[in-house]
């Protein structure tokens, strides 16, 4: 059964290919949704998929790509909406 995971990543996470990394990791795991930079300097992720795949993506977000320095990861779970067909980078 699919779930939704909303993730906020704090730290030095913009300008270090974090969004592209999340997109690649999500697609590898069959996760749909989106990732975007937020004006406050955080990265926001809305992801839908199986529980194990989402847990794996959440773990990846705790360190991110080389060059990132993650200081905090917050997440909230919800029921999947099924509204996403792919995993995209939002501008």
Protein backbone atom coordinates (compact mmCIF):
# COMPACT_ATOMS: atom_id res chain seq x y z
CA UNK A 1 0.00 0.00 0.00
CA UNK A 2 1.35 3.40 -0.98
CA UNK A 3 2.01 6.11 1.56
CA UNK A 4 2.90 9.80 1.36
CA UNK A 5 5.93 11.30 3.07
CA UNK A 6 6.45 15.07 3.37
CA UNK A 7 10.11 15.86 4.16
CA UNK A 8 11.85 19.14 5.06
CA UNK A 9 15.67 19.07 4.97
CA UNK A 10 17.65 21.81 6.73
CA UNK A 11 21.33 22.67 6.46
CA UNK A 12 23.65 23.49 3.57
CA UNK A 13 21.31 21.80 1.09
CA UNK A 14 20.82 24.30 -1.74
CA UNK A 15 23.31 24.69 -4.57
CA UNK A 16 24.82 21.24 -3.95
CA UNK A 17 22.68 19.18 -6.39
CA UNK A 18 20.39 18.05 -3.57
CA UNK A 19 17.22 18.27 -5.68
CA UNK A 20 18.77 16.30 -8.55
CA UNK A 21 20.01 13.73 -6.05
CA UNK A 22 16.58 13.32 -4.48
CA UNK A 23 15.02 12.96 -7.92
CA UNK A 24 17.48 10.24 -8.94
CA UNK A 25 17.12 8.36 -5.66
CA UNK A 26 13.31 8.58 -5.79
CA UNK A 27 13.16 7.31 -9.36
CA UNK A 28 15.46 4.39 -8.50
CA UNK A 29 13.03 3.41 -5.77
CA UNK A 30 9.85 3.81 -7.85
CA UNK A 31 8.72 6.83 -5.83
CA UNK A 32 6.59 9.59 -7.36
CA UNK A 33 6.23 13.20 -6.24
CA UNK A 34 8.40 16.31 -6.29
CA UNK A 35 11.30 18.18 -4.69
CA UNK A 36 11.92 21.93 -4.51
CA UNK A 37 14.13 24.58 -2.93
CA UNK A 38 12.28 26.77 -0.43
CA UNK A 39 13.16 30.48 -0.03
CA UNK A 40 14.12 29.88 3.64
CA UNK A 41 17.07 27.71 2.50
CA UNK A 42 15.49 24.32 3.11
CA UNK A 43 14.64 21.59 0.60
CA UNK A 44 11.07 20.24 0.57
CA UNK A 45 10.10 16.79 -0.69
CA UNK A 46 6.63 15.34 -1.28
CA UNK A 47 6.99 11.64 -2.03
CA UNK A 48 4.58 8.74 -2.54
CA UNK A 49 5.45 5.08 -2.70
CA UNK A 50 5.82 1.92 -0.67
CA UNK A 51 6.89 2.17 2.97
CA UNK A 52 10.31 0.54 2.49
CA UNK A 53 11.11 2.76 -0.51
CA UNK A 54 10.10 5.90 1.41
CA UNK A 55 12.17 4.86 4.45
CA UNK A 56 15.16 4.36 2.17
CA UNK A 57 14.68 7.80 0.59
CA UNK A 58 14.32 9.38 4.04
CA UNK A 59 17.59 7.78 5.11
CA UNK A 60 19.32 9.14 1.98
CA UNK A 61 17.96 12.63 2.76
CA UNK A 62 19.66 12.52 6.17
CA UNK A 63 23.03 12.94 4.43
CA UNK A 64 22.24 13.88 0.82
CA UNK A 65 24.82 14.16 -1.95
CA UNK A 66 28.51 14.91 -1.49
CA UNK A 67 28.82 18.60 -0.67
CA UNK A 68 25.62 18.78 1.35
CA UNK A 69 25.63 19.28 5.10
CA UNK A 70 22.30 18.19 6.56
CA UNK A 71 21.55 19.46 10.07
CA UNK A 72 17.90 18.38 10.43
CA UNK A 73 15.29 16.27 8.66
CA UNK A 74 11.61 16.54 9.56
CA UNK A 75 9.00 14.24 8.09
CA UNK A 76 5.25 13.67 8.26
CA UNK A 77 3.35 10.66 6.97
CA UNK A 78 -0.06 10.63 5.33
CA UNK A 79 -2.13 8.50 3.00
CA UNK A 80 -1.03 8.57 -0.63
CA UNK A 81 -3.20 10.60 -2.98
CA UNK A 82 -2.01 8.93 -6.18
CA UNK A 83 -1.81 12.32 -7.89
CA UNK A 84 1.83 12.03 -9.05
CA UNK A 85 2.86 10.18 -12.20
CA UNK A 86 6.62 10.81 -11.96
CA UNK A 87 9.15 12.42 -9.64
CA UNK A 88 9.96 15.99 -10.71
CA UNK A 89 12.03 18.96 -9.63
CA UNK A 90 9.81 21.96 -8.99
CA UNK A 91 11.20 25.44 -9.57
